[in-house]
């Protein structure tokens, strides 16, 4: 014996469409605490904003006609002056000084590399993105990457 058809609950939740105001109001920075025993303590590293990521990429790209390469000179320090922060995500005091980039670049390469890799991860850098950035021209399919030796 069959009864009336059962009503099926829709398990799909209603989508919430964001307004620009909603997007602006959302705190979407990711912060990670990182131990640096070589420096005797802990630092915080945060994700970059889209603007900061574009700014960083522009600072390390060298163009010559259609070709482009990455300028590796002090590249880790260039990223770290953007992403080193306090627990709340505020840029560390002193990183905006004229000497900060040089001073940071002189620190232990092992620590800089550790922090750089975390900053890359938090800011969405993948091997595919690095390959895209270093691709010399639309037809270049060499597959060589400057990160292969890192």
C-alpha atoms as a PDB file:
ATOM      1  CA  UNK A   1       0.000   0.000   0.000  1.00  0.00           C
ATOM      2  CA  UNK A   2       1.389   3.329  -0.951  1.00  0.00           C
ATOM      3  CA  UNK A   3       0.576   6.619   0.694  1.00  0.00           C
ATOM      4  CA  UNK A   4       0.927  10.116  -0.554  1.00  0.00           C
ATOM      5  CA  UNK A   5       4.307  10.950  -2.034  1.00  0.00           C
ATOM      6  CA  UNK A   6       6.778  12.092   0.529  1.00  0.00           C
ATOM      7  CA  UNK A   7       8.171  15.555   0.243  1.00  0.00           C
ATOM      8  CA  UNK A   8      11.873  15.468  -0.259  1.00  0.00           C
ATOM      9  CA  UNK A   9      13.940  18.043   1.529  1.00  0.00           C
ATOM     10  CA  UNK A  10      16.303  19.804  -0.783  1.00  0.00           C
ATOM     11  CA  UNK A  11      19.764  19.323   0.659  1.00  0.00           C
ATOM     12  CA  UNK A  12      21.263  22.078  -1.418  1.00  0.00           C
ATOM     13  CA  UNK A  13      21.539  25.267   0.566  1.00  0.00           C
ATOM     14  CA  UNK A  14      20.591  28.542  -0.997  1.00  0.00           C
ATOM     15  CA  UNK A  15      23.481  30.439  -2.500  1.00  0.00           C
ATOM     16  CA  UNK A  16      24.417  33.775  -1.037  1.00  0.00           C
ATOM     17  CA  UNK A  17      25.409  36.214  -3.760  1.00  0.00           C
ATOM     18  CA  UNK A  18      27.928  38.730  -2.509  1.00  0.00           C
ATOM     19  CA  UNK A  19      27.760  42.427  -3.125  1.00  0.00           C
ATOM     20  CA  UNK A  20      30.899  44.522  -3.461  1.00  0.00           C
ATOM     21  CA  UNK A  21      30.155  45.843   0.024  1.00  0.00           C
ATOM     22  CA  UNK A  22      30.124  42.235   1.330  1.00  0.00           C
ATOM     23  CA  UNK A  23      33.454  41.504  -0.342  1.00  0.00           C
ATOM     24  CA  UNK A  24      35.111  44.658   1.008  1.00  0.00           C
ATOM     25  CA  UNK A  25      33.884  43.900   4.537  1.00  0.00           C
ATOM     26  CA  UNK A  26      35.308  40.368   4.609  1.00  0.00           C
ATOM     27  CA  UNK A  27      38.662  39.935   6.350  1.00  0.00           C
ATOM     28  CA  UNK A  28      40.336  37.366   4.128  1.00  0.00           C
ATOM     29  CA  UNK A  29      43.994  37.556   5.152  1.00  0.00           C
ATOM     30  CA  UNK A  30      45.619  34.316   6.272  1.00  0.00           C
ATOM     31  CA  UNK A  31      48.293  34.582   8.961  1.00  0.00           C
ATOM     32  CA  UNK A  32      50.677  31.818   9.963  1.00  0.00           C
ATOM     33  CA  UNK A  33      52.996  31.686  12.964  1.00  0.00           C
ATOM     34  CA  UNK A  34      56.455  30.415  12.055  1.00  0.00           C
ATOM     35  CA  UNK A  35      59.225  29.359  14.442  1.00  0.00           C
ATOM     36  CA  UNK A  36      62.619  30.833  13.634  1.00  0.00           C
ATOM     37  CA  UNK A  37      65.004  29.288  16.173  1.00  0.00           C
ATOM     38  CA  UNK A  38      67.950  30.758  14.256  1.00  0.00           C
ATOM     39  CA  UNK A  39      66.606  34.210  15.181  1.00  0.00           C
ATOM     40  CA  UNK A  40      65.588  33.190  18.691  1.00  0.00           C
ATOM     41  CA  UNK A  41      61.820  33.435  18.327  1.00  0.00           C
ATOM     42  CA  UNK A  42      58.694  33.337  16.221  1.00  0.00           C
ATOM     43  CA  UNK A  43      57.437  35.532  13.387  1.00  0.00           C
ATOM     44  CA  UNK A  44      54.106  35.876  11.627  1.00  0.00           C
ATOM     45  CA  UNK A  45      53.715  35.658   7.863  1.00  0.00           C
ATOM     46  CA  UNK A  46      50.542  36.747   6.091  1.00  0.00           C
ATOM     47  CA  UNK A  47      49.087  36.280   2.650  1.00  0.00           C
ATOM     48  CA  UNK A  48      49.499  39.080   0.121  1.00  0.00           C
ATOM     49  CA  UNK A  49      46.599  41.060  -1.247  1.00  0.00           C
ATOM     50  CA  UNK A  50      46.082  41.008  -5.001  1.00  0.00           C
ATOM     51  CA  UNK A  51      47.589  44.496  -5.230  1.00  0.00           C
ATOM     52  CA  UNK A  52      50.656  43.459  -3.231  1.00  0.00           C
ATOM     53  CA  UNK A  53      51.131  40.326  -5.320  1.00  0.00           C
ATOM     54  CA  UNK A  54      51.008  42.333  -8.543  1.00  0.00           C
ATOM     55  CA  UNK A  55      53.418  44.863  -7.053  1.00  0.00           C
ATOM     56  CA  UNK A  56      55.828  42.104  -5.993  1.00  0.00           C
ATOM     57  CA  UNK A  57      55.722  40.437  -9.410  1.00  0.00           C
ATOM     58  CA  UNK A  58      56.366  43.757 -11.142  1.00  0.00           C
ATOM     59  CA  UNK A  59      59.389  44.315  -8.872  1.00  0.00           C
ATOM     60  CA  UNK A  60      61.042  41.027  -9.872  1.00  0.00           C
ATOM     61  CA  UNK A  61      60.161  40.862 -13.571  1.00  0.00           C
ATOM     62  CA  UNK A  62      62.716  41.968 -16.146  1.00  0.00           C
ATOM     63  CA  UNK A  63      61.388  42.494 -19.653  1.00  0.00           C
ATOM     64  CA  UNK A  64      63.324  42.794 -22.868  1.00  0.00           C
ATOM     65  CA  UNK A  65      60.966  43.006 -25.818  1.00  0.00           C
ATOM     66  CA  UNK A  66      58.716  39.962 -25.664  1.00  0.00           C
ATOM     67  CA  UNK A  67      61.052  38.096 -23.318  1.00  0.00           C
ATOM     68  CA  UNK A  68      60.702  38.232 -19.560  1.00  0.00           C
ATOM     69  CA  UNK A  69      62.717  36.750 -16.775  1.00  0.00           C
ATOM     70  CA  UNK A  70      62.742  36.882 -13.009  1.00  0.00           C
ATOM     71  CA  UNK A  71      65.366  39.040 -11.335  1.00  0.00           C
ATOM     72  CA  UNK A  72      66.368  36.867  -8.383  1.00  0.00           C
ATOM     73  CA  UNK A  73      68.411  39.652  -6.736  1.00  0.00           C
ATOM     74  CA  UNK A  74      67.115  39.858  -3.151  1.00  0.00           C
ATOM     75  CA  UNK A  75      63.803  38.334  -4.269  1.00  0.00           C
ATOM     76  CA  UNK A  76      63.080  36.635  -0.943  1.00  0.00           C
ATOM     77  CA  UNK A  77      63.581  39.846   1.003  1.00  0.00           C
ATOM     78  CA  UNK A  78      61.361  41.706  -1.497  1.00  0.00           C
ATOM     79  CA  UNK A  79      58.503  39.345  -0.686  1.00  0.00           C
ATOM     80  CA  UNK A  80      59.175  39.186   3.034  1.00  0.00           C
ATOM     81  CA  UNK A  81      59.086  42.959   3.557  1.00  0.00           C
ATOM     82  CA  UNK A  82      55.505  42.719   2.292  1.00  0.00           C
ATOM     83  CA  UNK A  83      54.335  39.733   4.343  1.00  0.00           C
ATOM     84  CA  UNK A  84      56.129  39.791   7.697  1.00  0.00           C
ATOM     85  CA  UNK A  85      53.576  41.004  10.213  1.00  0.00           C
ATOM     86  CA  UNK A  86      52.386  41.001  13.798  1.00  0.00           C
ATOM     87  CA  UNK A  87      49.717  38.652  15.157  1.00  0.00           C
ATOM     88  CA  UNK A  88      46.950  40.918  13.797  1.00  0.00           C
ATOM     89  CA  UNK A  89      48.436  41.044  10.292  1.00  0.00           C
ATOM     90  CA  UNK A  90      49.920  44.546  10.535  1.00  0.00           C
ATOM     91  CA  UNK A  91      53.226  45.039   8.772  1.00  0.00           C
ATOM     92  CA  UNK A  92      56.164  44.904  11.159  1.00  0.00           C
ATOM     93  CA  UNK A  93      57.505  48.256  12.268  1.00  0.00           C
ATOM     94  CA  UNK A  94      60.674  49.193  10.425  1.00  0.00           C
ATOM     95  CA  UNK A  95      60.001  47.227   7.243  1.00  0.00           C
ATOM     96  CA  UNK A  96      59.190  50.448   5.418  1.00  0.00           C
ATOM     97  CA  UNK A  97      62.629  51.945   6.150  1.00  0.00           C
ATOM     98  CA  UNK A  98      64.988  52.479   3.191  1.00  0.00           C
ATOM     99  CA  UNK A  99      67.446  49.900   4.573  1.00  0.00           C
ATOM    100  CA  UNK A 100      64.927  47.167   5.430  1.00  0.00           C
ATOM    101  CA  UNK A 101      65.234  45.312   2.125  1.00  0.00           C
ATOM    102  CA  UNK A 102      69.033  45.193   2.265  1.00  0.00           C
ATOM    103  CA  UNK A 103      69.128  44.382   5.978  1.00  0.00           C
ATOM    104  CA  UNK A 104      66.628  41.545   5.617  1.00  0.00           C
ATOM    105  CA  UNK A 105      68.455  40.190   2.574  1.00  0.00           C
ATOM    106  CA  UNK A 106      71.614  39.844   4.667  1.00  0.00           C
ATOM    107  CA  UNK A 107      69.956  37.424   7.118  1.00  0.00           C
ATOM    108  CA  UNK A 108      70.358  33.624   7.167  1.00  0.00           C
ATOM    109  CA  UNK A 109      69.336  32.183   3.789  1.00  0.00           C
ATOM    110  CA  UNK A 110      67.803  29.087   5.395  1.00  0.00           C
ATOM    111  CA  UNK A 111      65.394  31.221   7.419  1.00  0.00           C
ATOM    112  CA  UNK A 112      64.615  33.517   4.483  1.00  0.00           C
ATOM    113  CA  UNK A 113      63.904  30.507   2.263  1.00  0.00           C
ATOM    114  CA  UNK A 114      61.619  28.924   4.878  1.00  0.00           C
ATOM    115  CA  UNK A 115      59.615  32.135   5.269  1.00  0.00           C
ATOM    116  CA  UNK A 116      59.584  32.762   1.509  1.00  0.00           C
ATOM    117  CA  UNK A 117      58.101  29.328   0.800  1.00  0.00           C
ATOM    118  CA  UNK A 118      55.375  29.889   3.399  1.00  0.00           C
ATOM    119  CA  UNK A 119      54.630  33.332   1.952  1.00  0.00           C
ATOM    120  CA  UNK A 120      54.359  31.784  -1.520  1.00  0.00           C
ATOM    121  CA  UNK A 121      51.961  29.133  -0.260  1.00  0.00           C
ATOM    122  CA  UNK A 122      49.766  31.649   1.604  1.00  0.00           C
ATOM    123  CA  UNK A 123      49.673  33.924  -1.440  1.00  0.00           C
ATOM    124  CA  UNK A 124      48.663  31.242  -3.918  1.00  0.00           C
ATOM    125  CA  UNK A 125      51.907  30.671  -5.769  1.00  0.00           C
ATOM    126  CA  UNK A 126      51.927  27.280  -7.448  1.00  0.00           C
ATOM    127  CA  UNK A 127      54.538  25.763  -9.747  1.00  0.00           C
ATOM    128  CA  UNK A 128      52.173  26.424 -12.649  1.00  0.00           C
ATOM    129  CA  UNK A 129      52.009  30.120 -11.749  1.00  0.00           C
ATOM    130  CA  UNK A 130      55.791  30.397 -11.496  1.00  0.00           C
ATOM    131  CA  UNK A 131      56.042  28.714 -14.898  1.00  0.00           C
ATOM    132  CA  UNK A 132      53.505  31.170 -16.329  1.00  0.00           C
ATOM    133  CA  UNK A 133      55.434  34.144 -14.970  1.00  0.00           C
ATOM    134  CA  UNK A 134      58.723  32.957 -16.422  1.00  0.00           C
ATOM    135  CA  UNK A 135      57.403  31.853 -19.798  1.00  0.00           C
ATOM    136  CA  UNK A 136      59.418  33.898 -22.286  1.00  0.00           C
ATOM    137  CA  UNK A 137      56.870  34.140 -25.042  1.00  0.00           C
ATOM    138  CA  UNK A 138      53.453  32.779 -26.018  1.00  0.00           C
ATOM    139  CA  UNK A 139      55.109  30.072 -28.094  1.00  0.00           C
ATOM    140  CA  UNK A 140      57.745  29.058 -25.523  1.00  0.00           C
ATOM    141  CA  UNK A 141      57.017  25.563 -24.273  1.00  0.00           C
ATOM    142  CA  UNK A 142      60.445  24.744 -22.847  1.00  0.00           C
ATOM    143  CA  UNK A 143      59.154  23.867 -19.374  1.00  0.00           C
ATOM    144  CA  UNK A 144      62.323  25.213 -17.725  1.00  0.00           C
ATOM    145  CA  UNK A 145      61.656  26.827 -14.381  1.00  0.00           C
ATOM    146  CA  UNK A 146      63.948  28.895 -12.196  1.00  0.00           C
ATOM    147  CA  UNK A 147      62.551  27.156  -9.137  1.00  0.00           C
ATOM    148  CA  UNK A 148      63.779  23.726 -10.219  1.00  0.00           C
ATOM    149  CA  UNK A 149      67.148  24.340  -8.556  1.00  0.00           C
ATOM    150  CA  UNK A 150      65.714  25.771  -5.332  1.00  0.00           C
END
